[in-house]
Amino acid sequence: MKQLLFQDFEEVSAKQWKQKIQADLKGADYNEKLITKTLHGIHIKPFYSSEDVEETLKVSNPANWNICEKIYVVSAENANKKALEKLQKGTESIWFILPNNEIDCVKLLKDLPEGLTVYLHLEFLDTEYVQKLDNLIAEKNLKVFLQTDINGKLARTGNWFDNLTADHENLDSIILNSHNFESVVSINLGLYQNAGANIPQQLAYSIGQATEYLNHFSELDLSEEQKQNFTFQFNVSVGSDYFFEISKIRALRWLFATVAEEFGFNTTCHVIAQPTRRTKTLYDFNVNLLRTTTESMSAILGGADAICNMPYDAIYHKDNEFGDRIARNQLLIMRNESYMDKVGNVAEGTYYVETITKQLAEKALDIFKDIEKGGGLLKELKAGVIQKKIKDSAKEEQEKFNNGDLVLIGTNKFENPQDRMKDDIELYPFLKKNPRKTLIEPILERRLSEEREEKRLEEEKQSQPIQ
């Protein structure tokens, strides 16, 4: 006999819940005590119900996710060897960073297993090199995502690879002559996140960037089949605001699908996510393990296609086997011991996440519309409008960190005064200041704790006894 477990309980409306809460507050102000104001312009209520999700956004998430590792290529042979070793240890996809066109792609992709997903980020723009890659991957039966982002290069460095006309001509050539890549265009959402943009800004600027490409590609002689097979990639940096980051990836998919449909392009995008550098700390660096764990969980539950975890010591140590192994094992534990690969669309139907997803998408859409009214993302970048808004957002977040409202454990709360880092630094962990001539003001990425850490390092040096 089927039991109806809740048939004896009356339904309670949101209004009744609120009345009960207000009674328990004994005269204290409900909004002041229980409503949380966020940096993203959204106020969090103490509870959510079905009344909050009468209308939800339809989001299509992948059924599973890949564990990815990043390799900076200095030598093709060594990078290939590293990739094969990582694949033996549980990695499922490889992200190669190629600094120049002298890298031998034949040696780089040698012996990689058929069907492997490979991400190729070229720090240069060379159509002949891309054509060689396109021919090569056809022979090897690899799933290769080429990460070309000329607009992102301008935003990050202040300059094109060459110039506006040449870069677009090269991009057009890559699109029209490439037939074997899974995707050739990517958009780096992480640039905006690591520079201090709030989530609606991150979403709006990345969709604005996608719209610049879609506008341009609409002028190319692409068939309907080519448009429907054209896949955009988004490289997402995931912050520590757990539920908001889950909602961010879901909102991104909905926003992109909405815009791409207007242009007649494929509405499904590919998302590769990694933890943000913005919350990582130099002192008490082991806490970074906890941060990257929750950030990776947000990416998984938000529906990323691939997760590339960050080693806990990445901001100050060169690549090392121990740090890579720990980062990889964090994801392996989530998959094999926490069963976080068993169910897709985990967040779907949850009142809180559904509500936040919709609110983030709506706020991002408002910002995006303003960008389009201003002539598009490139025009707004050239005028310095985007840069100023990101700086304003970053300043607000930095002030919260400085006054202790935004906490990084071990750095601005519960610090260990005995912690010493001066002799362990192998990589420069702060914003590099390299004055150069640029077409526009570049968007600069900066960690929240940098200023405080620089002072602590200086104090360390001054406290060293004279030999």
Protein backbone atom coordinates (compact mmCIF):
# COMPACT_ATOMS: atom_id res chain seq x y z
CA MET A 1 0.00 0.00 0.00
CA LYS A 2 1.39 3.39 -0.99
CA GLN A 3 1.80 5.79 1.91
CA LEU A 4 1.30 9.52 1.47
CA LEU A 5 3.81 10.79 4.01
CA PHE A 6 2.86 14.45 3.92
CA GLN A 7 -0.91 14.25 3.55
CA ASP A 8 -1.48 15.28 7.18
CA PHE A 9 0.54 18.50 6.78
CA GLU A 10 -1.05 21.65 5.48
CA GLU A 11 0.79 23.67 2.84
CA VAL A 12 2.48 26.77 4.20
CA SER A 13 2.71 29.84 1.97
CA ALA A 14 5.73 32.13 1.75
CA LYS A 15 3.63 34.84 3.39
CA GLN A 16 2.96 32.60 6.39
CA TRP A 17 6.66 31.74 6.72
CA LYS A 18 7.57 35.42 6.66
CA GLN A 19 4.95 36.24 9.30
CA LYS A 20 6.34 33.49 11.56
CA ILE A 21 9.89 34.79 11.09
CA GLN A 22 8.85 38.35 11.87
CA ALA A 23 7.14 37.17 15.05
CA ASP A 24 10.31 35.33 16.12
CA LEU A 25 12.38 38.46 15.46
CA LYS A 26 10.46 40.17 18.29
CA GLY A 27 10.36 43.58 16.66
CA ALA A 28 13.78 43.52 14.96
CA ASP A 29 13.81 44.70 11.36
CA TYR A 30 13.37 41.77 8.93
CA ASN A 31 15.26 43.42 6.05
CA GLU A 32 18.14 44.55 8.25
CA LYS A 33 18.59 41.24 10.07
CA LEU A 34 17.89 38.62 7.42
CA ILE A 35 18.33 40.14 3.96
CA THR A 36 21.92 39.84 2.68
CA LYS A 37 23.18 42.41 0.19
CA THR A 38 25.74 41.08 -2.27
CA LEU A 39 28.35 42.66 -4.53
CA HIS A 40 26.34 41.37 -7.48
CA GLY A 41 23.39 43.69 -6.89
CA ILE A 42 21.15 40.87 -5.68
CA HIS A 43 19.65 40.62 -2.19
CA ILE A 44 19.50 37.14 -0.65
CA LYS A 45 16.35 36.26 1.26
CA PRO A 46 16.39 33.95 4.31
CA PHE A 47 14.27 31.35 2.51
CA TYR A 48 12.94 30.52 -0.96
CA SER A 49 9.85 28.62 -2.01
CA SER A 50 8.04 27.43 -5.12
CA GLU A 51 6.48 30.89 -5.32
CA ASP A 52 9.93 32.25 -6.28
CA VAL A 53 10.29 29.96 -9.30
CA GLU A 54 6.98 30.21 -11.07
CA GLU A 55 9.02 31.02 -14.19
CA THR A 56 12.46 29.40 -14.64
CA LEU A 57 15.12 29.61 -17.33
CA LYS A 58 15.54 26.55 -19.48
CA VAL A 59 19.21 25.57 -19.24
CA SER A 60 20.77 22.61 -21.05
CA ASN A 61 23.74 21.15 -19.15
CA PRO A 62 26.09 18.38 -20.28
CA ALA A 63 25.50 14.91 -18.88
CA ASN A 64 29.08 14.61 -17.62
CA TRP A 65 32.34 16.53 -17.16
CA ASN A 66 36.00 15.90 -17.91
CA ILE A 67 38.98 16.27 -15.60
CA CYS A 68 41.43 18.53 -17.41
CA GLU A 69 45.06 19.52 -16.77
CA LYS A 70 46.98 22.44 -18.20
CA ILE A 71 50.50 22.18 -19.66
CA TYR A 72 52.61 25.16 -20.73
CA VAL A 73 54.63 23.98 -23.73
CA VAL A 74 58.32 24.86 -23.78
CA SER A 75 59.41 21.65 -25.50
CA ALA A 76 56.95 19.64 -27.60
CA GLU A 77 58.59 16.35 -26.58
CA ASN A 78 58.51 17.14 -22.86
CA ALA A 79 54.94 18.44 -23.00
CA ASN A 80 53.83 15.29 -24.83
CA LYS A 81 55.54 13.12 -22.22
CA LYS A 82 53.84 15.06 -19.40
CA ALA A 83 50.46 14.69 -21.08
CA LEU A 84 50.80 10.92 -21.46
CA GLU A 85 51.84 10.61 -17.81
CA LYS A 86 48.89 12.71 -16.63
CA LEU A 87 46.47 10.60 -18.66
CA GLN A 88 47.80 7.49 -16.90
CA LYS A 89 47.05 9.13 -13.54
CA GLY A 90 43.40 9.99 -14.11
CA THR A 91 43.35 13.12 -16.28
CA GLU A 92 40.81 12.91 -19.10
CA SER A 93 41.64 15.96 -21.24
CA ILE A 94 44.71 18.13 -21.81
CA TRP A 95 44.97 21.91 -22.14
CA PHE A 96 48.16 22.92 -23.98
CA ILE A 97 49.41 26.53 -23.88
CA LEU A 98 51.61 27.20 -26.95
CA PRO A 99 53.81 30.33 -26.66
CA ASN A 100 55.02 30.43 -30.29
CA ASN A 101 54.68 28.83 -33.73
CA GLU A 102 57.99 27.00 -33.40
CA ILE A 103 56.32 24.27 -31.34
CA ASP A 104 56.25 21.05 -33.38
CA CYS A 105 52.59 20.03 -33.26
CA VAL A 106 53.34 16.55 -34.65
CA LYS A 107 55.59 15.79 -31.68
CA LEU A 108 53.19 17.53 -29.29
CA LEU A 109 50.23 15.30 -30.21
CA LYS A 110 52.22 12.09 -30.71
CA ASP A 111 50.65 8.90 -29.31
CA LEU A 112 47.72 10.70 -27.66
CA PRO A 113 44.77 8.26 -27.49
CA GLU A 114 42.02 8.47 -30.09
CA GLY A 115 38.98 10.46 -29.04
CA LEU A 116 40.92 12.47 -26.44
CA THR A 117 39.68 16.01 -25.82
CA VAL A 118 42.51 18.52 -26.28
CA TYR A 119 42.37 22.29 -25.74
CA LEU A 120 44.94 24.35 -27.64
CA HIS A 121 45.55 27.93 -26.55
CA LEU A 122 47.86 29.64 -29.05
CA GLU A 123 49.52 32.81 -27.76
CA PHE A 124 49.95 33.88 -31.38
CA LEU A 125 47.81 34.15 -34.50
CA ASP A 126 49.11 32.11 -37.44
CA THR A 127 46.71 30.74 -40.07
CA GLU A 128 49.32 28.43 -41.65
CA TYR A 129 50.09 26.84 -38.29
CA VAL A 130 46.38 26.34 -37.60
CA GLN A 131 45.95 24.72 -41.03
CA LYS A 132 48.71 22.21 -40.20
CA LEU A 133 46.96 21.45 -36.93
CA ASP A 134 43.63 20.99 -38.69
CA ASN A 135 45.15 18.45 -41.08
CA LEU A 136 46.96 16.67 -38.27
CA ILE A 137 44.00 16.13 -35.96
CA ALA A 138 42.00 14.60 -38.82
CA GLU A 139 44.63 11.86 -39.01
CA LYS A 140 44.74 11.35 -35.25
CA ASN A 141 41.00 11.41 -34.52
CA LEU A 142 41.29 13.82 -31.60
CA LYS A 143 38.60 16.17 -30.30
CA VAL A 144 40.48 19.47 -30.42
CA PHE A 145 39.17 22.83 -29.22
CA LEU A 146 41.24 25.69 -30.62
CA GLN A 147 41.04 28.75 -28.37
CA THR A 148 41.18 31.80 -30.65
CA ASP A 149 40.09 35.08 -29.08
CA ILE A 150 41.31 38.23 -30.82
CA ASN A 151 38.90 40.48 -28.90
CA GLY A 152 40.03 38.95 -25.63
CA LYS A 153 43.64 39.62 -26.59
CA LEU A 154 42.79 43.30 -27.06
CA ALA A 155 40.95 43.49 -23.72
CA ARG A 156 43.73 41.74 -21.78
CA THR A 157 46.82 43.36 -23.30
CA GLY A 158 45.46 46.58 -24.82
CA ASN A 159 46.68 45.54 -28.29
CA TRP A 160 45.66 43.29 -31.17
CA PHE A 161 47.97 40.49 -32.29
CA ASP A 162 48.71 42.67 -35.36
CA ASN A 163 45.89 45.14 -36.01
CA LEU A 164 42.10 45.11 -36.21
CA THR A 165 41.90 44.37 -39.95
CA ALA A 166 44.64 41.74 -40.08
CA ASP A 167 43.40 39.94 -36.96
CA HIS A 168 39.86 39.66 -38.33
CA GLU A 169 41.13 38.49 -41.72
CA ASN A 170 43.21 35.80 -40.02
CA LEU A 171 40.26 34.76 -37.87
CA ASP A 172 38.04 34.55 -40.95
CA SER A 173 40.62 32.37 -42.67
CA ILE A 174 40.77 30.03 -39.69
CA ILE A 175 36.98 29.70 -39.59
CA LEU A 176 36.51 29.14 -43.33
CA ASN A 177 39.42 26.71 -43.74
CA SER A 178 39.18 24.66 -40.56
CA HIS A 179 37.09 21.50 -40.78
CA ASN A 180 38.31 19.17 -38.02
CA PHE A 181 38.28 21.28 -34.85
CA GLU A 182 35.42 20.92 -32.41
CA SER A 183 35.55 24.69 -32.00
CA VAL A 184 37.90 27.51 -32.99
CA VAL A 185 36.64 30.54 -31.02
CA SER A 186 36.78 30.98 -27.26
CA ILE A 187 35.86 33.78 -24.86
CA ASN A 188 37.73 34.25 -21.60
CA LEU A 189 35.17 35.07 -18.93
CA GLY A 190 37.97 34.61 -16.39
CA LEU A 191 39.66 37.84 -17.44
CA TYR A 192 36.75 39.88 -16.11
CA GLN A 193 36.36 37.77 -12.98
CA ASN A 194 40.04 37.95 -12.01
CA ALA A 195 40.04 41.71 -12.60
CA GLY A 196 37.23 42.18 -10.06
CA ALA A 197 34.06 42.38 -12.16
CA ASN A 198 30.91 41.22 -10.40
CA ILE A 199 28.96 38.29 -11.84
CA PRO A 200 26.39 40.22 -13.90
CA GLN A 201 29.28 42.21 -15.43
CA GLN A 202 31.23 39.02 -16.21
CA LEU A 203 28.21 37.57 -17.96
CA ALA A 204 27.33 40.76 -19.83
CA TYR A 205 30.87 41.43 -21.07
CA SER A 206 31.38 37.85 -22.24
CA ILE A 207 28.04 37.84 -24.06
CA GLY A 208 28.93 41.25 -25.51
CA GLN A 209 32.17 39.73 -26.76
CA ALA A 210 30.28 36.79 -28.28
CA THR A 211 27.93 39.24 -30.00
CA GLU A 212 30.90 41.04 -31.59
CA TYR A 213 31.94 37.72 -33.10
CA LEU A 214 28.42 36.75 -34.14
CA ASN A 215 27.94 40.11 -35.86
CA HIS A 216 31.18 39.62 -37.74
CA PHE A 217 30.55 35.96 -38.62
CA SER A 218 27.12 36.82 -40.00
CA GLU A 219 28.93 38.67 -42.79
CA LEU A 220 30.87 35.54 -43.78
CA ASP A 221 29.56 33.12 -46.38
CA LEU A 222 28.58 30.40 -43.89
CA SER A 223 25.94 27.83 -44.71
CA GLU A 224 23.13 27.02 -42.28
CA GLU A 225 24.85 23.72 -41.53
CA GLN A 226 28.09 25.53 -40.66
CA LYS A 227 26.24 27.92 -38.37
CA GLN A 228 24.52 25.08 -36.56
CA ASN A 229 27.80 23.22 -36.13
CA PHE A 230 29.68 26.31 -34.94
CA THR A 231 30.46 25.99 -31.23
CA PHE A 232 31.64 28.79 -28.96
CA GLN A 233 33.83 28.05 -25.96
CA PHE A 234 33.77 29.97 -22.69
CA ASN A 235 36.70 29.81 -20.28
CA VAL A 236 35.18 30.49 -16.87
CA SER A 237 36.98 31.37 -13.63
CA VAL A 238 34.96 30.25 -10.64
CA GLY A 239 34.99 32.28 -7.43
CA SER A 240 34.20 31.37 -3.83
CA ASP A 241 30.57 32.54 -3.78
CA TYR A 242 29.34 28.95 -3.97
CA PHE A 243 25.71 29.13 -5.07
CA PHE A 244 26.19 32.28 -7.13
CA GLU A 245 28.96 30.57 -9.11
CA ILE A 246 26.72 27.57 -9.77
CA SER A 247 24.09 29.99 -11.01
CA LYS A 248 26.64 31.94 -13.08
CA ILE A 249 27.42 29.04 -15.38
CA ARG A 250 23.74 28.23 -15.79
CA ALA A 251 22.93 31.87 -16.55
CA LEU A 252 25.81 31.98 -19.05
CA ARG A 253 24.36 29.07 -21.03
CA TRP A 254 20.91 30.65 -21.11
CA LEU A 255 22.22 34.08 -22.15
CA PHE A 256 24.40 32.67 -24.89
CA ALA A 257 21.59 30.48 -26.24
CA THR A 258 19.27 33.51 -26.31
CA VAL A 259 21.74 35.65 -28.26
CA ALA A 260 23.02 32.91 -30.60
CA GLU A 261 19.47 32.01 -31.60
CA GLU A 262 18.91 35.57 -32.82
CA PHE A 263 21.85 35.17 -35.21
CA GLY A 264 20.83 31.69 -36.35
CA PHE A 265 23.90 30.01 -34.80
CA ASN A 266 24.26 26.89 -32.66
CA THR A 267 22.82 27.74 -29.22
CA THR A 268 24.92 25.19 -27.29
CA CYS A 269 28.25 26.38 -25.95
CA HIS A 270 31.19 24.54 -24.42
CA VAL A 271 32.31 25.60 -20.93
CA ILE A 272 35.73 24.85 -19.43
CA ALA A 273 36.03 26.08 -15.85
CA GLN A 274 38.89 26.61 -13.42
CA PRO A 275 39.19 28.17 -9.95
CA THR A 276 39.85 31.89 -9.84
CA ARG A 277 43.24 33.31 -8.93
CA ARG A 278 41.56 36.30 -7.27
CA THR A 279 40.87 34.52 -3.96
CA LYS A 280 44.15 32.63 -3.76
CA THR A 281 46.65 33.57 -1.08
CA LEU A 282 50.39 33.43 -0.62
CA TYR A 283 50.35 33.08 3.16
CA ASP A 284 48.62 30.08 4.72
CA PHE A 285 48.56 28.69 1.20
CA ASN A 286 47.16 25.30 2.23
CA VAL A 287 43.76 27.00 2.64
CA ASN A 288 43.82 27.32 -1.17
CA LEU A 289 43.03 23.58 -1.22
CA LEU A 290 39.68 24.27 0.42
CA ARG A 291 38.99 27.19 -1.89
CA THR A 292 39.72 25.22 -5.07
CA THR A 293 37.57 22.34 -3.79
CA THR A 294 34.43 24.44 -3.34
CA GLU A 295 35.11 26.39 -6.54
CA SER A 296 35.48 23.16 -8.52
CA MET A 297 32.26 21.87 -6.95
CA SER A 298 30.46 25.01 -8.11
CA ALA A 299 31.74 24.39 -11.63
CA ILE A 300 30.57 20.78 -11.57
CA LEU A 301 27.11 21.54 -10.18
CA GLY A 302 26.78 24.53 -12.51
CA GLY A 303 27.24 22.25 -15.49
CA ALA A 304 30.75 22.86 -16.89
CA ASP A 305 31.94 20.50 -19.64
CA ALA A 306 35.47 20.30 -18.23
CA ILE A 307 37.13 21.29 -14.95
CA CYS A 308 40.80 22.31 -14.81
CA ASN A 309 41.72 22.55 -11.15
CA MET A 310 44.42 24.92 -9.89
CA PRO A 311 47.27 23.57 -7.73
CA TYR A 312 47.22 25.05 -4.23
CA ASP A 313 50.71 26.55 -4.74
CA ALA A 314 50.26 27.77 -8.32
CA ILE A 315 50.64 31.47 -7.55
CA TYR A 316 54.19 31.16 -6.22
CA HIS A 317 55.59 27.74 -7.24
CA LYS A 318 56.65 26.52 -10.67
CA ASP A 319 54.80 23.49 -12.01
CA ASN A 320 55.55 20.53 -9.77
CA GLU A 321 54.34 16.95 -9.60
CA PHE A 322 53.08 17.17 -6.02
CA GLY A 323 50.90 20.24 -6.58
CA ASP A 324 49.53 18.82 -9.85
CA ARG A 325 48.79 15.47 -8.21
CA ILE A 326 46.85 17.03 -5.33
CA ALA A 327 44.81 19.20 -7.74
CA ARG A 328 44.02 16.20 -9.91
CA ASN A 329 43.11 14.03 -6.92
CA GLN A 330 40.68 16.65 -5.64
CA LEU A 331 38.66 16.16 -8.82
CA LEU A 332 39.10 12.38 -8.76
CA ILE A 333 37.70 12.29 -5.22
CA MET A 334 34.69 14.37 -6.27
CA ARG A 335 34.07 11.95 -9.12
CA ASN A 336 34.85 8.57 -7.58
CA GLU A 337 34.17 9.08 -3.88
CA SER A 338 31.58 11.85 -3.86
CA TYR A 339 29.70 10.54 -6.92
CA MET A 340 29.47 13.98 -8.48
CA ASP A 341 29.32 12.50 -11.97
CA LYS A 342 26.19 10.41 -11.45
CA VAL A 343 23.48 13.00 -12.06
CA GLY A 344 23.21 15.81 -14.59
CA ASN A 345 21.36 19.10 -14.04
CA VAL A 346 21.73 18.75 -10.28
CA ALA A 347 20.76 22.36 -9.60
CA GLU A 348 17.61 22.26 -11.70
CA GLY A 349 14.47 22.80 -9.64
CA THR A 350 16.20 24.13 -6.52
CA TYR A 351 14.30 27.26 -5.51
CA TYR A 352 17.36 29.27 -4.45
CA VAL A 353 19.62 28.44 -7.41
CA GLU A 354 16.81 28.82 -9.94
CA THR A 355 15.95 32.26 -8.51
CA ILE A 356 19.57 33.46 -8.43
CA THR A 357 20.15 32.15 -11.97
CA LYS A 358 17.21 34.15 -13.27
CA GLN A 359 18.20 37.32 -11.38
CA LEU A 360 21.83 37.14 -12.58
CA ALA A 361 20.69 36.61 -16.17
CA GLU A 362 18.27 39.54 -16.01
CA LYS A 363 20.88 41.90 -14.53
CA ALA A 364 23.45 40.79 -17.09
CA LEU A 365 20.93 41.31 -19.87
CA ASP A 366 20.34 44.89 -18.71
CA ILE A 367 24.10 45.60 -18.78
CA PHE A 368 24.42 43.91 -22.17
CA LYS A 369 21.64 46.07 -23.62
CA ASP A 370 23.45 49.20 -22.41
CA ILE A 371 26.64 47.95 -24.09
CA GLU A 372 24.80 47.44 -27.36
CA LYS A 373 23.24 50.90 -27.11
CA GLY A 374 26.77 52.26 -26.69
CA GLY A 375 27.88 50.66 -29.94
CA GLY A 376 29.03 47.23 -28.74
CA LEU A 377 31.79 45.85 -26.54
CA LEU A 378 34.75 46.91 -28.70
CA LYS A 379 33.57 50.51 -28.81
CA GLU A 380 32.98 50.51 -25.04
CA LEU A 381 36.46 49.07 -24.47
CA LYS A 382 38.09 51.70 -26.66
CA ALA A 383 36.22 54.43 -24.75
CA GLY A 384 37.37 52.94 -21.42
CA VAL A 385 33.80 52.43 -20.20
CA ILE A 386 34.18 48.70 -19.46
CA GLN A 387 37.52 49.22 -17.71
CA LYS A 388 36.07 51.90 -15.42
CA LYS A 389 33.09 49.78 -14.42
CA ILE A 390 35.32 46.82 -13.62
CA LYS A 391 37.61 49.07 -11.56
CA ASP A 392 34.61 50.40 -9.60
CA SER A 393 33.44 46.85 -8.88
CA ALA A 394 36.96 45.71 -7.95
CA LYS A 395 37.37 48.69 -5.62
CA GLU A 396 34.15 47.85 -3.80
CA GLU A 397 35.23 44.22 -3.37
CA GLN A 398 38.73 45.26 -2.28
CA GLU A 399 37.31 47.60 0.37
CA LYS A 400 35.22 44.76 1.77
CA PHE A 401 38.35 42.61 1.97
CA ASN A 402 40.40 45.40 3.54
CA ASN A 403 37.83 46.09 6.28
CA GLY A 404 37.26 42.40 6.98
CA ASP A 405 33.72 42.04 5.62
CA LEU A 406 35.06 39.73 2.90
CA VAL A 407 37.22 37.12 4.64
CA LEU A 408 40.15 35.09 3.36
CA ILE A 409 41.15 32.84 6.24
CA GLY A 410 44.84 33.05 7.10
CA THR A 411 45.23 36.38 5.34
CA ASN A 412 42.86 38.98 6.78
CA LYS A 413 41.49 36.78 9.58
CA PHE A 414 43.17 34.17 11.79
CA GLU A 415 46.59 34.97 10.32
CA ASN A 416 49.61 32.95 11.38
CA PRO A 417 52.24 35.60 12.30
CA GLN A 418 54.96 32.95 12.21
CA ASP A 419 54.30 32.12 8.57
CA ARG A 420 57.30 32.91 6.34
CA MET A 421 57.25 32.89 2.53
CA LYS A 422 60.24 34.96 1.41
CA ASP A 423 62.49 31.98 0.63
CA ASP A 424 59.79 29.81 -1.01
CA ILE A 425 58.75 32.09 -3.87
CA GLU A 426 59.71 30.77 -7.31
CA LEU A 427 57.21 32.81 -9.35
CA TYR A 428 56.40 36.50 -8.95
CA PRO A 429 52.96 36.37 -7.28
CA PHE A 430 51.87 39.98 -7.81
CA LEU A 431 50.60 42.13 -10.64
CA LYS A 432 53.49 42.71 -13.04
CA LYS A 433 53.93 46.36 -13.95
CA ASN A 434 55.31 46.60 -17.45
CA PRO A 435 54.56 50.04 -18.93
CA ARG A 436 54.13 49.86 -22.70
CA LYS A 437 52.26 51.59 -25.47
CA THR A 438 48.76 50.23 -25.97
CA LEU A 439 45.75 51.05 -28.14
CA ILE A 440 43.39 50.86 -25.19
CA GLU A 441 43.72 50.55 -21.43
CA PRO A 442 44.17 46.82 -20.68
CA ILE A 443 42.03 44.99 -18.14
CA LEU A 444 44.39 43.93 -15.35
CA GLU A 445 43.95 40.82 -13.21
CA ARG A 446 44.83 41.17 -9.54
CA ARG A 447 44.38 39.02 -6.43
CA LEU A 448 42.56 40.50 -3.44
CA SER A 449 45.37 39.82 -0.98
CA GLU A 450 48.29 41.23 -2.99
CA GLU A 451 48.76 44.55 -1.20
CA ARG A 452 48.66 42.93 2.24
CA GLU A 453 51.07 40.19 1.14
CA GLU A 454 53.56 42.65 -0.32
CA LYS A 455 53.68 44.43 3.05
CA ARG A 456 54.21 41.16 4.91
CA LEU A 457 57.03 40.15 2.59
CA GLU A 458 58.70 43.53 3.08
CA GLU A 459 58.40 43.09 6.87
CA GLU A 460 59.98 39.65 6.53
CA LYS A 461 62.98 41.10 4.70
CA GLN A 462 63.41 43.88 7.25
CA SER A 463 63.23 41.45 10.17
CA GLN A 464 66.03 39.24 8.82
CA PRO A 465 69.09 39.38 11.11
CA ILE A 466 72.26 40.86 9.61
CA GLN A 467 74.86 38.13 9.03
